[in-house]
Amino acid sequence: MAMNQPTDDCGEQTGMTAAILMVCGIIPCIGFLFSIAALVFIGMYLVKVWECKGRAEQLAIAGGDPGQWAAGPQPLDPNNPYAS
């Protein structure tokens, strides 16, 4: 959770479903049905991404002091194995 806001997958599963349906669209004779379904899922995915973008912008506006992120790089945590 970011800033105590519930999150969802922001269309990750819908996008994955659309990609799988597009690949299935190459099947002869019935591929056009998968392609039509893929177009529907692509539309749903784009709407979901647009909504997540709006929510992220609202959180950024409602967030704290905007200058806190412009202060420069933060010190690295020595206990974080992914810090580079």
PDB file of N, CA and C in Angstrom:
ATOM      1  N   MET A   1       0.833  -1.177   0.000  1.00  0.00           N
ATOM      2  CA  MET A   1       0.000   0.000   0.000  1.00  0.00           C
ATOM      3  C   MET A   1       0.882   1.246   0.000  1.00  0.00           C
ATOM      4  N   ALA A   2       0.549   2.153  -0.852  1.00  0.00           N
ATOM      5  CA  ALA A   2       1.270   3.416  -0.924  1.00  0.00           C
ATOM      6  C   ALA A   2       0.417   4.490  -0.279  1.00  0.00           C
ATOM      7  N   MET A   3       0.972   5.136   0.717  1.00  0.00           N
ATOM      8  CA  MET A   3       0.269   6.220   1.408  1.00  0.00           C
ATOM      9  C   MET A   3      -1.096   5.771   1.920  1.00  0.00           C
ATOM     10  N   ASN A   4      -1.177   4.540   2.419  1.00  0.00           N
ATOM     11  CA  ASN A   4      -2.400   3.966   2.993  1.00  0.00           C
ATOM     12  C   ASN A   4      -3.549   3.899   2.002  1.00  0.00           C
ATOM     13  N   GLN A   5      -3.251   3.775   0.718  1.00  0.00           N
ATOM     14  CA  GLN A   5      -4.265   3.639  -0.308  1.00  0.00           C
ATOM     15  C   GLN A   5      -4.275   2.201  -0.810  1.00  0.00           C
ATOM     16  N   PRO A   6      -5.462   1.601  -0.949  1.00  0.00           N
ATOM     17  CA  PRO A   6      -5.502   0.239  -1.486  1.00  0.00           C
ATOM     18  C   PRO A   6      -5.050   0.246  -2.948  1.00  0.00           C
ATOM     19  N   THR A   7      -4.355  -0.790  -3.336  1.00  0.00           N
ATOM     20  CA  THR A   7      -3.872  -0.880  -4.708  1.00  0.00           C
ATOM     21  C   THR A   7      -4.426  -2.128  -5.370  1.00  0.00           C
ATOM     22  N   ASP A   8      -4.396  -2.128  -6.670  1.00  0.00           N
ATOM     23  CA  ASP A   8      -4.752  -3.318  -7.425  1.00  0.00           C
ATOM     24  C   ASP A   8      -3.646  -3.568  -8.436  1.00  0.00           C
ATOM     25  N   ASP A   9      -3.890  -4.447  -9.365  1.00  0.00           N
ATOM     26  CA  ASP A   9      -2.824  -4.799 -10.304  1.00  0.00           C
ATOM     27  C   ASP A   9      -2.692  -3.807 -11.450  1.00  0.00           C
ATOM     28  N   CYS A  10      -3.506  -2.767 -11.501  1.00  0.00           N
ATOM     29  CA  CYS A  10      -3.460  -1.737 -12.549  1.00  0.00           C
ATOM     30  C   CYS A  10      -3.524  -2.343 -13.942  1.00  0.00           C
ATOM     31  N   GLY A  11      -4.271  -3.387 -14.114  1.00  0.00           N
ATOM     32  CA  GLY A  11      -4.487  -3.977 -15.424  1.00  0.00           C
ATOM     33  C   GLY A  11      -3.485  -5.030 -15.825  1.00  0.00           C
ATOM     34  N   GLU A  12      -2.642  -5.460 -14.909  1.00  0.00           N
ATOM     35  CA  GLU A  12      -1.619  -6.453 -15.260  1.00  0.00           C
ATOM     36  C   GLU A  12      -2.254  -7.744 -15.775  1.00  0.00           C
ATOM     37  N   GLN A  13      -3.233  -8.262 -15.069  1.00  0.00           N
ATOM     38  CA  GLN A  13      -3.872  -9.513 -15.486  1.00  0.00           C
ATOM     39  C   GLN A  13      -4.645  -9.337 -16.786  1.00  0.00           C
ATOM     40  N   THR A  14      -5.296  -8.190 -16.952  1.00  0.00           N
ATOM     41  CA  THR A  14      -6.041  -7.924 -18.177  1.00  0.00           C
ATOM     42  C   THR A  14      -5.092  -7.825 -19.366  1.00  0.00           C
ATOM     43  N   GLY A  15      -3.963  -7.181 -19.175  1.00  0.00           N
ATOM     44  CA  GLY A  15      -2.969  -7.087 -20.238  1.00  0.00           C
ATOM     45  C   GLY A  15      -2.394  -8.440 -20.606  1.00  0.00           C
ATOM     46  N   MET A  16      -2.140  -9.261 -19.602  1.00  0.00           N
ATOM     47  CA  MET A  16      -1.624 -10.600 -19.862  1.00  0.00           C
ATOM     48  C   MET A  16      -2.648 -11.436 -20.633  1.00  0.00           C
ATOM     49  N   THR A  17      -3.912 -11.313 -20.266  1.00  0.00           N
ATOM     50  CA  THR A  17      -4.963 -12.039 -20.968  1.00  0.00           C
ATOM     51  C   THR A  17      -5.046 -11.581 -22.418  1.00  0.00           C
ATOM     52  N   ALA A  18      -4.950 -10.281 -22.653  1.00  0.00           N
ATOM     53  CA  ALA A  18      -4.989  -9.751 -24.015  1.00  0.00           C
ATOM     54  C   ALA A  18      -3.823 -10.296 -24.834  1.00  0.00           C
ATOM     55  N   ALA A  19      -2.643 -10.349 -24.239  1.00  0.00           N
ATOM     56  CA  ALA A  19      -1.471 -10.867 -24.962  1.00  0.00           C
ATOM     57  C   ALA A  19      -1.649 -12.337 -25.321  1.00  0.00           C
ATOM     58  N   ILE A  20      -2.174 -13.118 -24.391  1.00  0.00           N
ATOM     59  CA  ILE A  20      -2.393 -14.542 -24.660  1.00  0.00           C
ATOM     60  C   ILE A  20      -3.429 -14.718 -25.757  1.00  0.00           C
ATOM     61  N   LEU A  21      -4.495 -13.920 -25.716  1.00  0.00           N
ATOM     62  CA  LEU A  21      -5.523 -14.017 -26.757  1.00  0.00           C
ATOM     63  C   LEU A  21      -4.973 -13.604 -28.122  1.00  0.00           C
ATOM     64  N   MET A  22      -4.079 -12.621 -28.160  1.00  0.00           N
ATOM     65  CA  MET A  22      -3.480 -12.232 -29.437  1.00  0.00           C
ATOM     66  C   MET A  22      -2.637 -13.361 -30.016  1.00  0.00           C
ATOM     67  N   VAL A  23      -1.901 -14.058 -29.158  1.00  0.00           N
ATOM     68  CA  VAL A  23      -1.107 -15.193 -29.635  1.00  0.00           C
ATOM     69  C   VAL A  23      -2.022 -16.304 -30.133  1.00  0.00           C
ATOM     70  N   CYS A  24      -3.120 -16.540 -29.425  1.00  0.00           N
ATOM     71  CA  CYS A  24      -4.071 -17.574 -29.852  1.00  0.00           C
ATOM     72  C   CYS A  24      -4.778 -17.179 -31.146  1.00  0.00           C
ATOM     73  N   GLY A  25      -4.712 -15.901 -31.501  1.00  0.00           N
ATOM     74  CA  GLY A  25      -5.351 -15.430 -32.732  1.00  0.00           C
ATOM     75  C   GLY A  25      -4.726 -15.979 -33.996  1.00  0.00           C
ATOM     76  N   ILE A  26      -3.568 -16.614 -33.917  1.00  0.00           N
ATOM     77  CA  ILE A  26      -2.944 -17.164 -35.116  1.00  0.00           C
ATOM     78  C   ILE A  26      -3.436 -18.573 -35.436  1.00  0.00           C
ATOM     79  N   ILE A  27      -4.302 -19.125 -34.592  1.00  0.00           N
ATOM     80  CA  ILE A  27      -4.841 -20.467 -34.830  1.00  0.00           C
ATOM     81  C   ILE A  27      -5.768 -20.401 -36.047  1.00  0.00           C
ATOM     82  N   PRO A  28      -5.546 -21.250 -37.029  1.00  0.00           N
ATOM     83  CA  PRO A  28      -6.400 -21.226 -38.225  1.00  0.00           C
ATOM     84  C   PRO A  28      -7.860 -21.531 -37.884  1.00  0.00           C
ATOM     85  N   CYS A  29      -8.746 -20.972 -38.626  1.00  0.00           N
ATOM     86  CA  CYS A  29     -10.200 -21.172 -38.576  1.00  0.00           C
ATOM     87  C   CYS A  29     -10.878 -20.511 -37.378  1.00  0.00           C
ATOM     88  N   ILE A  30     -10.335 -20.594 -36.188  1.00  0.00           N
ATOM     89  CA  ILE A  30     -11.001 -19.992 -35.027  1.00  0.00           C
ATOM     90  C   ILE A  30     -10.214 -18.824 -34.450  1.00  0.00           C
ATOM     91  N   GLY A  31      -9.093 -18.494 -35.056  1.00  0.00           N
ATOM     92  CA  GLY A  31      -8.239 -17.432 -34.544  1.00  0.00           C
ATOM     93  C   GLY A  31      -8.907 -16.077 -34.520  1.00  0.00           C
ATOM     94  N   PHE A  32      -9.829 -15.836 -35.464  1.00  0.00           N
ATOM     95  CA  PHE A  32     -10.500 -14.539 -35.493  1.00  0.00           C
ATOM     96  C   PHE A  32     -11.331 -14.310 -34.235  1.00  0.00           C
ATOM     97  N   LEU A  33     -11.857 -15.361 -33.647  1.00  0.00           N
ATOM     98  CA  LEU A  33     -12.620 -15.214 -32.402  1.00  0.00           C
ATOM     99  C   LEU A  33     -11.702 -14.765 -31.263  1.00  0.00           C
ATOM    100  N   PHE A  34     -10.507 -15.349 -31.202  1.00  0.00           N
ATOM    101  CA  PHE A  34      -9.539 -14.934 -30.190  1.00  0.00           C
ATOM    102  C   PHE A  34      -9.089 -13.495 -30.428  1.00  0.00           C
ATOM    103  N   SER A  35      -8.953 -13.123 -31.701  1.00  0.00           N
ATOM    104  CA  SER A  35      -8.526 -11.757 -32.022  1.00  0.00           C
ATOM    105  C   SER A  35      -9.573 -10.731 -31.604  1.00  0.00           C
ATOM    106  N   ILE A  36     -10.824 -11.034 -31.793  1.00  0.00           N
ATOM    107  CA  ILE A  36     -11.905 -10.130 -31.372  1.00  0.00           C
ATOM    108  C   ILE A  36     -11.897  -9.997 -29.847  1.00  0.00           C
ATOM    109  N   ALA A  37     -11.751 -11.121 -29.156  1.00  0.00           N
ATOM    110  CA  ALA A  37     -11.693 -11.074 -27.697  1.00  0.00           C
ATOM    111  C   ALA A  37     -10.470 -10.281 -27.236  1.00  0.00           C
ATOM    112  N   ALA A  38      -9.348 -10.410 -27.960  1.00  0.00           N
ATOM    113  CA  ALA A  38      -8.138  -9.662 -27.610  1.00  0.00           C
ATOM    114  C   ALA A  38      -8.380  -8.165 -27.739  1.00  0.00           C
ATOM    115  N   LEU A  39      -9.086  -7.739 -28.766  1.00  0.00           N
ATOM    116  CA  LEU A  39      -9.391  -6.313 -28.926  1.00  0.00           C
ATOM    117  C   LEU A  39     -10.223  -5.788 -27.760  1.00  0.00           C
ATOM    118  N   VAL A  40     -11.170  -6.590 -27.296  1.00  0.00           N
ATOM    119  CA  VAL A  40     -11.984  -6.196 -26.143  1.00  0.00           C
ATOM    120  C   VAL A  40     -11.104  -6.047 -24.907  1.00  0.00           C
ATOM    121  N   PHE A  41     -10.225  -7.019 -24.688  1.00  0.00           N
ATOM    122  CA  PHE A  41      -9.355  -6.965 -23.513  1.00  0.00           C
ATOM    123  C   PHE A  41      -8.331  -5.836 -23.611  1.00  0.00           C
ATOM    124  N   ILE A  42      -7.876  -5.511 -24.810  1.00  0.00           N
ATOM    125  CA  ILE A  42      -6.965  -4.381 -24.967  1.00  0.00           C
ATOM    126  C   ILE A  42      -7.669  -3.089 -24.562  1.00  0.00           C
ATOM    127  N   GLY A  43      -8.926  -2.945 -24.961  1.00  0.00           N
ATOM    128  CA  GLY A  43      -9.699  -1.769 -24.552  1.00  0.00           C
ATOM    129  C   GLY A  43      -9.857  -1.688 -23.047  1.00  0.00           C
ATOM    130  N   MET A  44     -10.173  -2.818 -22.424  1.00  0.00           N
ATOM    131  CA  MET A  44     -10.313  -2.851 -20.975  1.00  0.00           C
ATOM    132  C   MET A  44      -8.988  -2.513 -20.297  1.00  0.00           C
ATOM    133  N   TYR A  45      -7.889  -3.014 -20.864  1.00  0.00           N
ATOM    134  CA  TYR A  45      -6.561  -2.753 -20.310  1.00  0.00           C
ATOM    135  C   TYR A  45      -6.229  -1.269 -20.375  1.00  0.00           C
ATOM    136  N   LEU A  46      -6.493  -0.637 -21.499  1.00  0.00           N
ATOM    137  CA  LEU A  46      -6.186   0.784 -21.643  1.00  0.00           C
ATOM    138  C   LEU A  46      -7.005   1.641 -20.676  1.00  0.00           C
ATOM    139  N   VAL A  47      -8.266   1.278 -20.478  1.00  0.00           N
ATOM    140  CA  VAL A  47      -9.104   2.013 -19.515  1.00  0.00           C
ATOM    141  C   VAL A  47      -8.535   1.859 -18.109  1.00  0.00           C
ATOM    142  N   LYS A  48      -8.125   0.651 -17.750  1.00  0.00           N
ATOM    143  CA  LYS A  48      -7.576   0.386 -16.417  1.00  0.00           C
ATOM    144  C   LYS A  48      -6.277   1.158 -16.190  1.00  0.00           C
ATOM    145  N   VAL A  49      -5.399   1.192 -17.200  1.00  0.00           N
ATOM    146  CA  VAL A  49      -4.146   1.930 -17.081  1.00  0.00           C
ATOM    147  C   VAL A  49      -4.429   3.425 -16.947  1.00  0.00           C
ATOM    148  N   TRP A  50      -5.396   3.927 -17.691  1.00  0.00           N
ATOM    149  CA  TRP A  50      -5.765   5.346 -17.615  1.00  0.00           C
ATOM    150  C   TRP A  50      -6.259   5.687 -16.203  1.00  0.00           C
ATOM    151  N   GLU A  51      -7.077   4.809 -15.609  1.00  0.00           N
ATOM    152  CA  GLU A  51      -7.577   5.045 -14.255  1.00  0.00           C
ATOM    153  C   GLU A  51      -6.433   5.026 -13.235  1.00  0.00           C
ATOM    154  N   CYS A  52      -5.503   4.093 -13.374  1.00  0.00           N
ATOM    155  CA  CYS A  52      -4.365   4.023 -12.450  1.00  0.00           C
ATOM    156  C   CYS A  52      -3.486   5.253 -12.576  1.00  0.00           C
ATOM    157  N   LYS A  53      -3.329   5.754 -13.787  1.00  0.00           N
ATOM    158  CA  LYS A  53      -2.540   6.962 -13.998  1.00  0.00           C
ATOM    159  C   LYS A  53      -3.197   8.139 -13.277  1.00  0.00           C
ATOM    160  N   GLY A  54      -4.505   8.249 -13.381  1.00  0.00           N
ATOM    161  CA  GLY A  54      -5.230   9.316 -12.689  1.00  0.00           C
ATOM    162  C   GLY A  54      -5.105   9.213 -11.179  1.00  0.00           C
ATOM    163  N   ARG A  55      -5.187   7.979 -10.664  1.00  0.00           N
ATOM    164  CA  ARG A  55      -5.034   7.785  -9.222  1.00  0.00           C
ATOM    165  C   ARG A  55      -3.639   8.148  -8.757  1.00  0.00           C
ATOM    166  N   ALA A  56      -2.636   7.795  -9.543  1.00  0.00           N
ATOM    167  CA  ALA A  56      -1.254   8.121  -9.177  1.00  0.00           C
ATOM    168  C   ALA A  56      -1.041   9.629  -9.165  1.00  0.00           C
ATOM    169  N   GLU A  57      -1.641  10.327 -10.128  1.00  0.00           N
ATOM    170  CA  GLU A  57      -1.521  11.785 -10.154  1.00  0.00           C
ATOM    171  C   GLU A  57      -2.217  12.403  -8.944  1.00  0.00           C
ATOM    172  N   GLN A  58      -3.387  11.866  -8.562  1.00  0.00           N
ATOM    173  CA  GLN A  58      -4.093  12.381  -7.384  1.00  0.00           C
ATOM    174  C   GLN A  58      -3.269  12.167  -6.123  1.00  0.00           C
ATOM    175  N   LEU A  59      -2.634  11.008  -6.004  1.00  0.00           N
ATOM    176  CA  LEU A  59      -1.802  10.745  -4.835  1.00  0.00           C
ATOM    177  C   LEU A  59      -0.597  11.673  -4.810  1.00  0.00           C
ATOM    178  N   ALA A  60      -0.052  11.969  -5.975  1.00  0.00           N
ATOM    179  CA  ALA A  60       1.097  12.867  -6.034  1.00  0.00           C
ATOM    180  C   ALA A  60       0.694  14.283  -5.626  1.00  0.00           C
ATOM    181  N   ILE A  61      -0.486  14.708  -6.046  1.00  0.00           N
ATOM    182  CA  ILE A  61      -0.967  16.048  -5.693  1.00  0.00           C
ATOM    183  C   ILE A  61      -1.291  16.109  -4.208  1.00  0.00           C
ATOM    184  N   ALA A  62      -1.915  15.050  -3.679  1.00  0.00           N
ATOM    185  CA  ALA A  62      -2.320  15.034  -2.272  1.00  0.00           C
ATOM    186  C   ALA A  62      -1.164  14.700  -1.343  1.00  0.00           C
ATOM    187  N   GLY A  63      -0.036  14.311  -1.898  1.00  0.00           N
ATOM    188  CA  GLY A  63       1.119  13.909  -1.090  1.00  0.00           C
ATOM    189  C   GLY A  63       1.692  15.065  -0.310  1.00  0.00           C
ATOM    190  N   GLY A  64       2.752  14.779   0.386  1.00  0.00           N
ATOM    191  CA  GLY A  64       3.391  15.768   1.245  1.00  0.00           C
ATOM    192  C   GLY A  64       4.121  16.849   0.480  1.00  0.00           C
ATOM    193  N   ASP A  65       5.164  17.334   1.062  1.00  0.00           N
ATOM    194  CA  ASP A  65       5.964  18.413   0.508  1.00  0.00           C
ATOM    195  C   ASP A  65       6.591  17.972  -0.818  1.00  0.00           C
ATOM    196  N   PRO A  66       6.284  18.655  -1.934  1.00  0.00           N
ATOM    197  CA  PRO A  66       6.847  18.227  -3.213  1.00  0.00           C
ATOM    198  C   PRO A  66       8.358  18.399  -3.273  1.00  0.00           C
ATOM    199  N   GLY A  67       8.921  19.258  -2.441  1.00  0.00           N
ATOM    200  CA  GLY A  67      10.353  19.469  -2.455  1.00  0.00           C
ATOM    201  C   GLY A  67      11.141  18.349  -1.812  1.00  0.00           C
ATOM    202  N   GLN A  68      10.463  17.454  -1.089  1.00  0.00           N
ATOM    203  CA  GLN A  68      11.180  16.384  -0.404  1.00  0.00           C
ATOM    204  C   GLN A  68      11.816  15.413  -1.387  1.00  0.00           C
ATOM    205  N   TRP A  69      11.262  15.289  -2.587  1.00  0.00           N
ATOM    206  CA  TRP A  69      11.820  14.368  -3.573  1.00  0.00           C
ATOM    207  C   TRP A  69      12.870  15.056  -4.432  1.00  0.00           C
ATOM    208  N   ALA A  70      12.859  16.380  -4.456  1.00  0.00           N
ATOM    209  CA  ALA A  70      13.805  17.108  -5.289  1.00  0.00           C
ATOM    210  C   ALA A  70      15.082  17.436  -4.518  1.00  0.00           C
ATOM    211  N   ALA A  71      15.205  16.973  -3.310  1.00  0.00           N
ATOM    212  CA  ALA A  71      16.351  17.316  -2.474  1.00  0.00           C
ATOM    213  C   ALA A  71      17.629  16.621  -2.928  1.00  0.00           C
ATOM    214  N   GLY A  72      17.540  15.650  -3.762  1.00  0.00           N
ATOM    215  CA  GLY A  72      18.719  14.940  -4.230  1.00  0.00           C
ATOM    216  C   GLY A  72      18.626  13.469  -3.899  1.00  0.00           C
ATOM    217  N   PRO A  73      19.649  12.730  -4.236  1.00  0.00           N
ATOM    218  CA  PRO A  73      19.597  11.281  -3.987  1.00  0.00           C
ATOM    219  C   PRO A  73      19.595  10.974  -2.499  1.00  0.00           C
ATOM    220  N   GLN A  74      18.852   9.941  -2.167  1.00  0.00           N
ATOM    221  CA  GLN A  74      18.765   9.498  -0.783  1.00  0.00           C
ATOM    222  C   GLN A  74      19.929   8.561  -0.483  1.00  0.00           C
ATOM    223  N   PRO A  75      20.396   8.501   0.759  1.00  0.00           N
ATOM    224  CA  PRO A  75      21.482   7.577   1.086  1.00  0.00           C
ATOM    225  C   PRO A  75      21.025   6.130   0.919  1.00  0.00           C
ATOM    226  N   LEU A  76      21.932   5.295   0.472  1.00  0.00           N
ATOM    227  CA  LEU A  76      21.614   3.889   0.252  1.00  0.00           C
ATOM    228  C   LEU A  76      21.558   3.142   1.567  1.00  0.00           C
ATOM    229  N   ASP A  77      20.630   2.195   1.635  1.00  0.00           N
ATOM    230  CA  ASP A  77      20.498   1.340   2.795  1.00  0.00           C
ATOM    231  C   ASP A  77      21.495   0.177   2.661  1.00  0.00           C
ATOM    232  N   PRO A  78      22.451   0.043   3.563  1.00  0.00           N
ATOM    233  CA  PRO A  78      23.439  -1.037   3.421  1.00  0.00           C
ATOM    234  C   PRO A  78      22.837  -2.426   3.581  1.00  0.00           C
ATOM    235  N   ASN A  79      21.645  -2.523   4.146  1.00  0.00           N
ATOM    236  CA  ASN A  79      21.009  -3.827   4.347  1.00  0.00           C
ATOM    237  C   ASN A  79      20.165  -4.251   3.143  1.00  0.00           C
ATOM    238  N   ASN A  80      20.029  -3.390   2.150  1.00  0.00           N
ATOM    239  CA  ASN A  80      19.204  -3.700   0.985  1.00  0.00           C
ATOM    240  C   ASN A  80      20.089  -4.374  -0.078  1.00  0.00           C
ATOM    241  N   PRO A  81      19.848  -5.647  -0.377  1.00  0.00           N
ATOM    242  CA  PRO A  81      20.695  -6.333  -1.369  1.00  0.00           C
ATOM    243  C   PRO A  81      20.452  -5.845  -2.792  1.00  0.00           C
ATOM    244  N   TYR A  82      19.346  -5.126  -3.043  1.00  0.00           N
ATOM    245  CA  TYR A  82      19.020  -4.674  -4.391  1.00  0.00           C
ATOM    246  C   TYR A  82      19.489  -3.246  -4.645  1.00  0.00           C
ATOM    247  N   ALA A  83      20.006  -2.574  -3.634  1.00  0.00           N
ATOM    248  CA  ALA A  83      20.488  -1.200  -3.818  1.00  0.00           C
ATOM    249  C   ALA A  83      21.768  -1.225  -4.635  1.00  0.00           C
ATOM    250  N   SER A  84      21.854  -0.298  -5.560  1.00  0.00           N
ATOM    251  CA  SER A  84      23.065  -0.259  -6.390  1.00  0.00           C
ATOM    252  C   SER A  84      23.654   1.140  -6.393  1.00  0.00           C
TER     253      SER A  84
END
